[in-house]
Amino acid sequence: MTTYNVLKFVKVTENDLLSFISSAKKRIIFAKSAFTKKEVECILDTIDRSRVSCNLYIEAGDKAIRFGFGETEALKLLDDNLGKINLHIADRIRMAILIVDNEALMYSPNLSFIEEELQGMIFPNGFFGRDSITELILQEFDIEEVINVDPKSVFKVIPFPGCEN
């Protein structure tokens, strides 16, 4: 029996993130202090294409470590699409947590939208996990929903060399 209960160190780039979101078949749960317009557009496209359920957790407190409350266009898109997205407010979000179906990505986002992504990133900035790791995160969100997704549909995040389990 093959096990898919894997935890990997990963380098999360914008393209990887958008590709991961687009791969959703059943659900998206995304907690992040602020969102970009590209992220929200990708989420909305995925909802329209695959009819996934979506819960977003965004920070509204004044103790946030970020530049503003996110891109203005992203906030407008969220506001215009509240019928499609379950939006939750949380304080002091310090790491981004993204669950797509039964896979989880936890990473450190840029501290501000002014920072440009480092093209030559060598050190991992996140973890990618499946199965029981995702279940542990869902427990923290008080979500007990179990979904069935083909375990062979493995998402390809670029692993940090030498750190794969």
N, C-alpha and C. Protein backbone atom coordinates (compact mmCIF):
# COMPACT_ATOMS: atom_id res chain seq x y z
N MET A 1 0.85 -1.18 0.00
CA MET A 1 0.00 0.00 0.00
C MET A 1 0.89 1.24 0.00
N THR A 2 0.60 2.15 -0.90
CA THR A 2 1.36 3.39 -1.00
C THR A 2 0.80 4.40 0.00
N THR A 3 1.69 5.08 0.68
CA THR A 3 1.24 6.11 1.61
C THR A 3 1.46 7.48 0.99
N TYR A 4 0.50 8.36 1.20
CA TYR A 4 0.59 9.72 0.68
C TYR A 4 0.69 10.71 1.82
N ASN A 5 1.05 10.22 3.00
CA ASN A 5 1.16 11.05 4.18
C ASN A 5 2.57 11.64 4.20
N VAL A 6 2.78 12.72 3.46
CA VAL A 6 4.10 13.25 3.21
C VAL A 6 4.18 14.70 3.71
N LEU A 7 5.32 15.06 4.26
CA LEU A 7 5.62 16.44 4.59
C LEU A 7 6.90 16.81 3.88
N LYS A 8 6.88 17.89 3.11
CA LYS A 8 8.04 18.30 2.34
C LYS A 8 8.34 19.77 2.64
N PHE A 9 9.61 20.12 2.67
CA PHE A 9 10.02 21.51 2.62
C PHE A 9 9.86 21.96 1.18
N VAL A 10 9.34 23.16 0.97
CA VAL A 10 9.12 23.64 -0.40
C VAL A 10 9.46 25.11 -0.55
N LYS A 11 9.70 25.49 -1.78
CA LYS A 11 9.86 26.89 -2.16
C LYS A 11 8.54 27.30 -2.81
N VAL A 12 7.85 28.22 -2.22
CA VAL A 12 6.54 28.63 -2.74
C VAL A 12 6.71 29.92 -3.52
N THR A 13 6.51 29.82 -4.82
CA THR A 13 6.53 31.00 -5.67
C THR A 13 5.08 31.35 -6.03
N GLU A 14 4.87 32.52 -6.57
CA GLU A 14 3.52 32.93 -6.97
C GLU A 14 2.92 31.94 -7.96
N ASN A 15 3.70 31.50 -8.94
CA ASN A 15 3.19 30.56 -9.94
C ASN A 15 2.79 29.23 -9.31
N ASP A 16 3.62 28.73 -8.38
CA ASP A 16 3.29 27.48 -7.68
C ASP A 16 1.98 27.63 -6.91
N LEU A 17 1.84 28.76 -6.23
CA LEU A 17 0.66 29.02 -5.42
C LEU A 17 -0.60 29.06 -6.28
N LEU A 18 -0.55 29.78 -7.39
CA LEU A 18 -1.71 29.88 -8.28
C LEU A 18 -2.05 28.53 -8.91
N SER A 19 -1.03 27.77 -9.26
CA SER A 19 -1.24 26.43 -9.82
C SER A 19 -1.90 25.52 -8.80
N PHE A 20 -1.45 25.60 -7.55
CA PHE A 20 -2.02 24.79 -6.47
C PHE A 20 -3.49 25.13 -6.25
N ILE A 21 -3.80 26.41 -6.20
CA ILE A 21 -5.19 26.86 -6.04
C ILE A 21 -6.04 26.34 -7.20
N SER A 22 -5.53 26.46 -8.41
CA SER A 22 -6.28 26.03 -9.61
C SER A 22 -6.55 24.54 -9.64
N SER A 23 -5.76 23.75 -8.90
CA SER A 23 -5.93 22.30 -8.91
C SER A 23 -7.11 21.83 -8.04
N ALA A 24 -7.75 22.73 -7.32
CA ALA A 24 -8.83 22.35 -6.40
C ALA A 24 -10.00 21.70 -7.14
N LYS A 25 -10.48 20.61 -6.55
CA LYS A 25 -11.65 19.91 -7.08
C LYS A 25 -12.85 20.00 -6.14
N LYS A 26 -12.59 20.14 -4.82
CA LYS A 26 -13.67 20.12 -3.83
C LYS A 26 -13.68 21.34 -2.92
N ARG A 27 -12.48 21.75 -2.41
CA ARG A 27 -12.47 22.84 -1.44
C ARG A 27 -11.17 23.61 -1.46
N ILE A 28 -11.31 24.87 -1.02
CA ILE A 28 -10.17 25.75 -0.78
C ILE A 28 -10.40 26.39 0.58
N ILE A 29 -9.40 26.29 1.44
CA ILE A 29 -9.41 27.00 2.72
C ILE A 29 -8.09 27.75 2.76
N PHE A 30 -8.16 29.06 2.88
CA PHE A 30 -6.95 29.88 2.77
C PHE A 30 -6.97 30.93 3.87
N ALA A 31 -5.97 30.87 4.75
CA ALA A 31 -5.80 31.87 5.80
C ALA A 31 -4.52 32.64 5.51
N LYS A 32 -4.67 33.95 5.38
CA LYS A 32 -3.53 34.80 5.06
C LYS A 32 -3.87 36.22 5.51
N SER A 33 -2.88 36.96 5.95
CA SER A 33 -3.17 38.29 6.47
C SER A 33 -3.72 39.23 5.40
N ALA A 34 -3.32 39.04 4.17
CA ALA A 34 -3.80 39.89 3.07
C ALA A 34 -3.62 39.13 1.76
N PHE A 35 -4.46 39.43 0.78
CA PHE A 35 -4.44 38.71 -0.50
C PHE A 35 -4.07 39.64 -1.64
N THR A 36 -3.52 39.04 -2.70
CA THR A 36 -3.24 39.79 -3.92
C THR A 36 -4.41 39.63 -4.88
N LYS A 37 -4.49 40.53 -5.84
CA LYS A 37 -5.54 40.45 -6.86
C LYS A 37 -5.44 39.14 -7.64
N LYS A 38 -4.21 38.72 -8.00
CA LYS A 38 -4.03 37.47 -8.75
C LYS A 38 -4.55 36.26 -7.97
N GLU A 39 -4.30 36.24 -6.66
CA GLU A 39 -4.77 35.13 -5.83
C GLU A 39 -6.29 35.07 -5.82
N VAL A 40 -6.93 36.22 -5.61
CA VAL A 40 -8.40 36.26 -5.55
C VAL A 40 -8.99 35.91 -6.91
N GLU A 41 -8.42 36.41 -7.99
CA GLU A 41 -8.91 36.06 -9.32
C GLU A 41 -8.80 34.57 -9.57
N CYS A 42 -7.68 33.97 -9.17
CA CYS A 42 -7.49 32.53 -9.34
C CYS A 42 -8.50 31.75 -8.51
N ILE A 43 -8.73 32.17 -7.28
CA ILE A 43 -9.73 31.51 -6.43
C ILE A 43 -11.11 31.58 -7.08
N LEU A 44 -11.50 32.76 -7.55
CA LEU A 44 -12.82 32.93 -8.17
C LEU A 44 -12.94 32.10 -9.45
N ASP A 45 -11.90 32.07 -10.26
CA ASP A 45 -11.91 31.24 -11.48
C ASP A 45 -12.08 29.77 -11.12
N THR A 46 -11.40 29.32 -10.08
CA THR A 46 -11.48 27.92 -9.65
C THR A 46 -12.87 27.61 -9.12
N ILE A 47 -13.44 28.51 -8.36
CA ILE A 47 -14.81 28.33 -7.86
C ILE A 47 -15.78 28.19 -9.03
N ASP A 48 -15.66 29.08 -10.01
CA ASP A 48 -16.56 29.05 -11.17
C ASP A 48 -16.38 27.78 -12.00
N ARG A 49 -15.13 27.35 -12.16
CA ARG A 49 -14.84 26.19 -13.01
C ARG A 49 -15.18 24.87 -12.33
N SER A 50 -14.81 24.73 -11.06
CA SER A 50 -14.92 23.43 -10.39
C SER A 50 -15.98 23.38 -9.29
N ARG A 51 -16.65 24.49 -9.05
CA ARG A 51 -17.71 24.54 -8.02
C ARG A 51 -17.18 24.10 -6.64
N VAL A 52 -16.00 24.55 -6.29
CA VAL A 52 -15.42 24.21 -5.00
C VAL A 52 -16.00 25.10 -3.91
N SER A 53 -16.00 24.60 -2.68
CA SER A 53 -16.36 25.47 -1.56
C SER A 53 -15.10 26.23 -1.16
N CYS A 54 -15.29 27.45 -0.68
CA CYS A 54 -14.14 28.29 -0.37
C CYS A 54 -14.35 29.06 0.93
N ASN A 55 -13.40 28.90 1.84
CA ASN A 55 -13.36 29.67 3.08
C ASN A 55 -12.04 30.43 3.11
N LEU A 56 -12.14 31.76 3.21
CA LEU A 56 -10.96 32.60 3.31
C LEU A 56 -10.94 33.24 4.69
N TYR A 57 -9.75 33.26 5.29
CA TYR A 57 -9.53 33.92 6.57
C TYR A 57 -8.58 35.07 6.30
N ILE A 58 -9.02 36.27 6.62
CA ILE A 58 -8.22 37.47 6.36
C ILE A 58 -8.11 38.27 7.64
N GLU A 59 -7.06 39.02 7.73
CA GLU A 59 -6.82 39.80 8.94
C GLU A 59 -7.42 41.19 8.79
N ALA A 60 -8.08 41.64 9.83
CA ALA A 60 -8.64 42.98 9.83
C ALA A 60 -8.13 43.82 10.98
N GLY A 61 -7.35 43.23 11.86
CA GLY A 61 -6.87 43.94 13.03
C GLY A 61 -5.74 44.89 12.69
N ASP A 62 -5.43 45.77 13.64
CA ASP A 62 -4.36 46.75 13.41
C ASP A 62 -3.00 46.24 13.85
N LYS A 63 -2.89 44.98 14.22
CA LYS A 63 -1.62 44.39 14.66
C LYS A 63 -1.00 43.53 13.56
N ALA A 64 -1.47 43.68 12.36
CA ALA A 64 -1.02 42.83 11.25
C ALA A 64 0.42 43.15 10.86
N ILE A 65 1.13 42.11 10.43
CA ILE A 65 2.45 42.31 9.85
C ILE A 65 2.27 42.23 8.34
N ARG A 66 1.98 43.35 7.76
CA ARG A 66 1.79 43.41 6.31
C ARG A 66 1.70 44.86 5.89
N PHE A 67 1.67 45.08 4.60
CA PHE A 67 1.53 46.41 4.04
C PHE A 67 0.05 46.65 3.79
N GLY A 68 -0.60 47.44 4.61
CA GLY A 68 -2.02 47.72 4.43
C GLY A 68 -2.86 46.49 4.67
N PHE A 69 -4.01 46.43 4.05
CA PHE A 69 -4.93 45.31 4.21
C PHE A 69 -4.97 44.43 2.97
N GLY A 70 -3.96 44.53 2.14
CA GLY A 70 -3.93 43.76 0.90
C GLY A 70 -4.09 44.72 -0.27
N GLU A 71 -4.02 44.16 -1.45
CA GLU A 71 -4.21 45.00 -2.63
C GLU A 71 -5.66 45.46 -2.70
N THR A 72 -5.85 46.71 -3.01
CA THR A 72 -7.20 47.28 -3.06
C THR A 72 -8.09 46.51 -4.02
N GLU A 73 -7.53 46.11 -5.18
CA GLU A 73 -8.32 45.36 -6.16
C GLU A 73 -8.75 44.01 -5.60
N ALA A 74 -7.89 43.40 -4.80
CA ALA A 74 -8.23 42.10 -4.19
C ALA A 74 -9.38 42.27 -3.21
N LEU A 75 -9.33 43.30 -2.40
CA LEU A 75 -10.41 43.56 -1.44
C LEU A 75 -11.73 43.84 -2.15
N LYS A 76 -11.67 44.58 -3.24
CA LYS A 76 -12.88 44.88 -4.01
C LYS A 76 -13.47 43.60 -4.60
N LEU A 77 -12.62 42.75 -5.15
CA LEU A 77 -13.08 41.46 -5.70
C LEU A 77 -13.72 40.61 -4.61
N LEU A 78 -13.11 40.57 -3.44
CA LEU A 78 -13.69 39.81 -2.33
C LEU A 78 -15.06 40.36 -1.96
N ASP A 79 -15.14 41.67 -1.84
CA ASP A 79 -16.41 42.31 -1.48
C ASP A 79 -17.49 42.05 -2.53
N ASP A 80 -17.11 42.08 -3.80
CA ASP A 80 -18.08 41.86 -4.89
C ASP A 80 -18.51 40.40 -5.01
N ASN A 81 -17.79 39.48 -4.37
CA ASN A 81 -18.07 38.06 -4.54
C ASN A 81 -18.34 37.34 -3.22
N LEU A 82 -18.90 38.05 -2.26
CA LEU A 82 -19.18 37.44 -0.96
C LEU A 82 -20.18 36.30 -1.04
N GLY A 83 -20.95 36.23 -2.11
CA GLY A 83 -21.89 35.12 -2.30
C GLY A 83 -21.19 33.82 -2.66
N LYS A 84 -19.97 33.90 -3.17
CA LYS A 84 -19.22 32.71 -3.58
C LYS A 84 -18.21 32.27 -2.53
N ILE A 85 -17.77 33.22 -1.71
CA ILE A 85 -16.68 32.98 -0.76
C ILE A 85 -17.18 33.17 0.66
N ASN A 86 -16.84 32.24 1.53
CA ASN A 86 -17.12 32.41 2.96
C ASN A 86 -15.93 33.15 3.56
N LEU A 87 -16.11 34.42 3.86
CA LEU A 87 -15.02 35.25 4.36
C LEU A 87 -15.07 35.32 5.88
N HIS A 88 -13.94 35.04 6.52
CA HIS A 88 -13.83 35.07 7.98
C HIS A 88 -12.75 36.08 8.36
N ILE A 89 -12.94 36.75 9.47
CA ILE A 89 -11.96 37.70 9.96
C ILE A 89 -11.20 37.06 11.13
N ALA A 90 -9.89 37.20 11.11
CA ALA A 90 -9.04 36.67 12.17
C ALA A 90 -7.97 37.70 12.49
N ASP A 91 -7.52 37.72 13.73
CA ASP A 91 -6.46 38.65 14.13
C ASP A 91 -5.12 37.95 14.16
N ARG A 92 -4.10 38.70 13.83
CA ARG A 92 -2.70 38.30 13.97
C ARG A 92 -2.33 37.03 13.24
N ILE A 93 -2.70 36.95 11.99
CA ILE A 93 -2.29 35.83 11.15
C ILE A 93 -0.81 36.03 10.81
N ARG A 94 0.02 35.08 11.18
CA ARG A 94 1.46 35.22 10.99
C ARG A 94 2.03 34.33 9.89
N MET A 95 1.27 33.32 9.49
CA MET A 95 1.74 32.45 8.41
C MET A 95 0.54 32.18 7.50
N ALA A 96 0.82 31.92 6.26
CA ALA A 96 -0.24 31.58 5.32
C ALA A 96 -0.48 30.07 5.40
N ILE A 97 -1.76 29.70 5.43
CA ILE A 97 -2.14 28.29 5.43
C ILE A 97 -3.16 28.12 4.31
N LEU A 98 -2.84 27.24 3.38
CA LEU A 98 -3.72 26.99 2.24
C LEU A 98 -4.00 25.50 2.17
N ILE A 99 -5.29 25.15 2.22
CA ILE A 99 -5.71 23.77 2.04
C ILE A 99 -6.46 23.69 0.73
N VAL A 100 -6.01 22.80 -0.12
CA VAL A 100 -6.68 22.52 -1.39
C VAL A 100 -7.03 21.04 -1.36
N ASP A 101 -8.32 20.76 -1.31
CA ASP A 101 -8.81 19.39 -1.19
C ASP A 101 -8.21 18.74 0.06
N ASN A 102 -7.35 17.73 -0.09
CA ASN A 102 -6.75 17.05 1.07
C ASN A 102 -5.26 17.34 1.20
N GLU A 103 -4.81 18.43 0.60
CA GLU A 103 -3.40 18.80 0.65
C GLU A 103 -3.26 20.16 1.33
N ALA A 104 -2.18 20.34 2.06
CA ALA A 104 -1.98 21.58 2.80
C ALA A 104 -0.63 22.20 2.47
N LEU A 105 -0.64 23.51 2.38
CA LEU A 105 0.57 24.28 2.15
C LEU A 105 0.64 25.35 3.23
N MET A 106 1.71 25.35 3.98
CA MET A 106 1.93 26.35 5.02
C MET A 106 3.22 27.07 4.66
N TYR A 107 3.16 28.40 4.58
CA TYR A 107 4.34 29.13 4.15
C TYR A 107 4.38 30.53 4.75
N SER A 108 5.53 31.13 4.64
CA SER A 108 5.72 32.48 5.11
C SER A 108 5.58 33.43 3.92
N PRO A 109 4.50 34.20 3.89
CA PRO A 109 4.33 35.13 2.76
C PRO A 109 5.25 36.33 2.92
N ASN A 110 5.42 37.09 1.85
CA ASN A 110 6.18 38.33 1.94
C ASN A 110 5.57 39.22 3.01
N LEU A 111 6.41 39.97 3.70
CA LEU A 111 5.91 40.87 4.73
C LEU A 111 5.13 42.04 4.13
N SER A 112 5.34 42.34 2.88
CA SER A 112 4.58 43.40 2.23
C SER A 112 4.49 43.13 0.75
N PHE A 113 3.54 43.79 0.12
CA PHE A 113 3.38 43.65 -1.32
C PHE A 113 4.41 44.48 -2.07
N ILE A 114 5.17 45.28 -1.36
CA ILE A 114 6.22 46.07 -2.00
C ILE A 114 7.41 45.18 -2.32
N GLU A 115 7.66 44.17 -1.48
CA GLU A 115 8.77 43.26 -1.71
C GLU A 115 8.55 42.50 -3.00
N GLU A 116 9.58 42.40 -3.79
CA GLU A 116 9.49 41.58 -4.99
C GLU A 116 9.92 40.17 -4.63
N GLU A 117 9.30 39.21 -5.28
CA GLU A 117 9.66 37.81 -5.03
C GLU A 117 11.09 37.57 -5.46
N LEU A 118 11.84 36.87 -4.63
CA LEU A 118 13.22 36.58 -4.96
C LEU A 118 13.25 35.45 -5.98
N GLN A 119 13.72 35.76 -7.19
CA GLN A 119 13.76 34.75 -8.25
C GLN A 119 14.74 33.63 -7.94
N GLY A 120 15.84 33.96 -7.27
CA GLY A 120 16.86 32.96 -7.00
C GLY A 120 16.74 32.36 -5.62
N MET A 121 15.52 32.24 -5.11
CA MET A 121 15.30 31.73 -3.76
C MET A 121 15.94 30.33 -3.63
N ILE A 122 16.79 30.17 -2.60
CA ILE A 122 17.42 28.87 -2.40
C ILE A 122 16.86 28.16 -1.17
N PHE A 123 16.47 28.90 -0.16
CA PHE A 123 15.99 28.29 1.07
C PHE A 123 14.48 28.12 1.02
N PRO A 124 13.95 27.03 1.56
CA PRO A 124 12.49 26.83 1.50
C PRO A 124 11.77 27.86 2.36
N ASN A 125 10.58 28.22 1.95
CA ASN A 125 9.77 29.16 2.73
C ASN A 125 8.46 28.53 3.18
N GLY A 126 8.35 27.20 3.04
CA GLY A 126 7.11 26.58 3.47
C GLY A 126 7.19 25.07 3.58
N PHE A 127 6.04 24.50 3.96
CA PHE A 127 5.87 23.05 4.08
C PHE A 127 4.64 22.65 3.27
N PHE A 128 4.73 21.50 2.63
CA PHE A 128 3.62 20.92 1.89
C PHE A 128 3.30 19.58 2.51
N GLY A 129 2.03 19.34 2.84
CA GLY A 129 1.66 18.07 3.46
C GLY A 129 0.34 17.54 2.96
N ARG A 130 0.10 16.27 3.23
CA ARG A 130 -1.11 15.59 2.79
C ARG A 130 -1.77 14.89 3.97
N ASP A 131 -2.94 14.33 3.72
CA ASP A 131 -3.66 13.41 4.60
C ASP A 131 -3.73 13.85 6.06
N SER A 132 -3.04 13.14 6.97
CA SER A 132 -3.20 13.42 8.40
C SER A 132 -2.69 14.81 8.77
N ILE A 133 -1.72 15.33 8.04
CA ILE A 133 -1.25 16.69 8.28
C ILE A 133 -2.37 17.68 7.99
N THR A 134 -3.06 17.48 6.88
CA THR A 134 -4.20 18.33 6.54
C THR A 134 -5.29 18.18 7.58
N GLU A 135 -5.53 16.97 8.04
CA GLU A 135 -6.56 16.74 9.07
C GLU A 135 -6.24 17.52 10.35
N LEU A 136 -4.98 17.56 10.75
CA LEU A 136 -4.59 18.31 11.95
C LEU A 136 -4.88 19.81 11.78
N ILE A 137 -4.58 20.32 10.61
CA ILE A 137 -4.86 21.74 10.35
C ILE A 137 -6.36 21.99 10.37
N LEU A 138 -7.14 21.10 9.76
CA LEU A 138 -8.59 21.26 9.75
C LEU A 138 -9.16 21.25 11.17
N GLN A 139 -8.57 20.46 12.06
CA GLN A 139 -9.01 20.47 13.45
C GLN A 139 -8.83 21.85 14.08
N GLU A 140 -7.74 22.51 13.74
CA GLU A 140 -7.50 23.86 14.25
C GLU A 140 -8.56 24.85 13.75
N PHE A 141 -9.08 24.61 12.55
CA PHE A 141 -10.12 25.46 11.97
C PHE A 141 -11.52 25.00 12.39
N ASP A 142 -11.60 23.93 13.21
CA ASP A 142 -12.88 23.34 13.61
C ASP A 142 -13.71 22.91 12.41
N ILE A 143 -13.05 22.31 11.43
CA ILE A 143 -13.73 21.80 10.24
C ILE A 143 -13.63 20.28 10.28
N GLU A 144 -14.77 19.63 10.27
CA GLU A 144 -14.79 18.16 10.35
C GLU A 144 -15.17 17.52 9.02
N GLU A 145 -15.35 18.32 8.00
CA GLU A 145 -15.77 17.82 6.70
C GLU A 145 -14.68 16.91 6.10
N VAL A 146 -15.08 15.70 5.72
CA VAL A 146 -14.18 14.77 5.06
C VAL A 146 -14.57 14.76 3.59
N ILE A 147 -13.59 14.92 2.72
CA ILE A 147 -13.88 14.88 1.29
C ILE A 147 -13.07 13.76 0.66
N ASN A 148 -13.60 13.21 -0.39
CA ASN A 148 -12.92 12.14 -1.12
C ASN A 148 -12.32 12.71 -2.39
N VAL A 149 -11.01 12.64 -2.47
CA VAL A 149 -10.28 13.09 -3.65
C VAL A 149 -9.29 12.00 -4.00
N ASP A 150 -9.11 11.75 -5.27
CA ASP A 150 -8.17 10.73 -5.72
C ASP A 150 -6.78 10.99 -5.15
N PRO A 151 -6.24 10.11 -4.31
CA PRO A 151 -4.93 10.36 -3.70
C PRO A 151 -3.78 10.34 -4.69
N LYS A 152 -4.01 9.87 -5.90
CA LYS A 152 -2.95 9.83 -6.89
C LYS A 152 -2.79 11.15 -7.62
N SER A 153 -3.71 12.10 -7.37
CA SER A 153 -3.59 13.41 -8.02
C SER A 153 -2.63 14.27 -7.21
N VAL A 154 -1.37 13.89 -7.21
CA VAL A 154 -0.35 14.56 -6.41
C VAL A 154 0.02 15.88 -7.06
N PHE A 155 -0.01 16.95 -6.28
CA PHE A 155 0.39 18.27 -6.75
C PHE A 155 1.91 18.36 -6.70
N LYS A 156 2.50 18.93 -7.70
CA LYS A 156 3.96 19.00 -7.79
C LYS A 156 4.45 20.38 -7.32
N VAL A 157 4.81 20.48 -6.05
CA VAL A 157 5.45 21.67 -5.53
C VAL A 157 6.94 21.42 -5.61
N ILE A 158 7.74 22.44 -5.94
CA ILE A 158 9.18 22.25 -6.08
C ILE A 158 9.77 21.98 -4.70
N PRO A 159 10.27 20.76 -4.44
CA PRO A 159 10.82 20.45 -3.12
C PRO A 159 12.21 21.05 -2.95
N PHE A 160 12.53 21.43 -1.73
CA PHE A 160 13.87 21.89 -1.41
C PHE A 160 14.80 20.69 -1.46
N PRO A 161 15.89 20.74 -2.24
CA PRO A 161 16.77 19.58 -2.39
C PRO A 161 17.26 19.04 -1.05
N GLY A 162 17.16 17.72 -0.88
CA GLY A 162 17.66 17.07 0.30
C GLY A 162 16.73 17.05 1.48
N CYS A 163 15.56 17.67 1.36
CA CYS A 163 14.66 17.76 2.51
C CYS A 163 13.39 16.94 2.32
N GLU A 164 13.27 16.19 1.25
CA GLU A 164 12.07 15.39 1.05
C GLU A 164 12.03 14.25 2.03
N ASN A 165 10.80 13.90 2.47
CA ASN A 165 10.60 12.70 3.31
C ASN A 165 10.09 11.58 2.45
